[in-house]
Amino acid sequence: MFEGSGDIDNLVAMNSQINRSGGKWYSLEQKWSQALADGKTVKVKIEPIYSDDSIRPSQFKIAYEINGEIKKIRMKNQSGG
């Protein structure tokens, strides 16, 4: 949907519940998609946060901007986000 690289650098272990329809990640991507469809400018920065020596992020630090309005959120990598 957002033209990621498609290579391994675009992969991270994510809880399936947050990325399904109705999940927090899915809803956020839908918001970005709708803003783009409406002709708005969308910029996104996502930083995975790891606990201890885990290879799966415990949460994501997300900063996004839609037409100059900046939002910052943290989303847990677990059911319910």
Protein backbone atom coordinates (compact mmCIF):
# COMPACT_ATOMS: atom_id res chain seq x y z
CA MET A 1 0.00 0.00 0.00
CA PHE A 2 2.81 2.43 0.87
CA GLU A 3 5.49 1.29 -1.57
CA GLY A 4 7.93 -0.09 1.00
CA SER A 5 11.14 -1.55 -0.36
CA GLY A 6 9.87 -5.14 -0.38
CA ASP A 7 13.30 -6.29 0.83
CA ILE A 8 14.20 -7.74 4.20
CA ASP A 9 14.78 -4.21 5.59
CA ASN A 10 11.01 -3.75 5.44
CA LEU A 11 10.24 -6.70 7.75
CA VAL A 12 9.71 -6.77 11.50
CA ALA A 13 7.96 -9.29 13.74
CA MET A 14 4.53 -7.81 14.49
CA ASN A 15 1.58 -9.08 16.48
CA SER A 16 -0.99 -10.18 13.93
CA GLN A 17 -3.90 -8.71 15.89
CA ILE A 18 -2.77 -5.09 15.55
CA ASN A 19 -2.32 -5.41 11.79
CA ARG A 20 -5.70 -7.00 11.01
CA SER A 21 -8.89 -5.17 10.13
CA GLY A 22 -9.97 -3.27 13.24
CA GLY A 23 -6.49 -3.42 14.80
CA LYS A 24 -4.65 -0.25 15.79
CA TRP A 25 -1.89 -0.59 13.17
CA TYR A 26 -4.39 -1.37 10.44
CA SER A 27 -6.52 1.63 11.44
CA LEU A 28 -3.49 3.91 11.40
CA GLU A 29 -2.54 2.74 7.90
CA GLN A 30 -6.12 3.34 6.77
CA LYS A 31 -5.92 6.90 8.14
CA TRP A 32 -2.72 7.54 6.17
CA SER A 33 -4.21 5.96 3.06
CA GLN A 34 -7.34 8.12 3.25
CA ALA A 35 -5.26 11.26 3.75
CA LEU A 36 -3.24 10.41 0.63
CA ALA A 37 -6.43 9.70 -1.33
CA ASP A 38 -7.67 13.15 -0.25
CA GLY A 39 -4.54 14.71 -1.76
CA LYS A 40 -2.87 15.44 1.58
CA THR A 41 0.85 15.13 2.27
CA VAL A 42 1.73 12.28 4.63
CA LYS A 43 5.12 11.67 6.25
CA VAL A 44 5.75 8.75 8.60
CA LYS A 45 8.67 7.66 10.80
CA ILE A 46 8.46 4.35 12.65
CA GLU A 47 11.04 3.21 15.19
CA PRO A 48 10.79 -0.31 16.62
CA ILE A 49 11.66 -0.47 20.34
CA TYR A 50 13.21 -3.71 21.62
CA SER A 51 13.21 -5.00 25.20
CA ASP A 52 16.25 -6.89 26.42
CA ASP A 53 17.72 -9.16 23.73
CA SER A 54 14.44 -9.87 21.94
CA ILE A 55 14.36 -9.97 18.14
CA ARG A 56 10.70 -8.91 18.26
CA PRO A 57 9.95 -5.26 19.08
CA SER A 58 7.97 -4.73 22.27
CA GLN A 59 6.51 -1.52 20.88
CA PHE A 60 6.74 0.99 18.07
CA LYS A 61 7.44 4.70 18.35
CA ILE A 62 5.50 6.36 15.54
CA ALA A 63 5.67 9.97 14.39
CA TYR A 64 3.53 11.03 11.48
CA GLU A 65 2.56 14.25 9.81
CA ILE A 66 -0.53 14.95 7.73
CA ASN A 67 -0.50 18.33 5.99
CA GLY A 68 1.86 19.76 8.60
CA GLU A 69 -0.01 18.43 11.66
CA ILE A 70 2.37 16.22 13.65
CA LYS A 71 1.22 13.32 15.84
CA LYS A 72 3.42 11.10 18.00
CA ILE A 73 2.27 7.81 19.47
CA ARG A 74 3.60 4.57 20.93
CA MET A 75 1.94 1.31 20.06
CA LYS A 76 2.58 -1.91 21.97
CA ASN A 77 3.37 -4.93 19.82
CA GLN A 78 0.65 -7.06 21.41
CA SER A 79 -3.07 -7.70 21.05
CA GLY A 80 -4.91 -4.41 21.47
CA GLY A 81 -1.77 -2.39 20.70
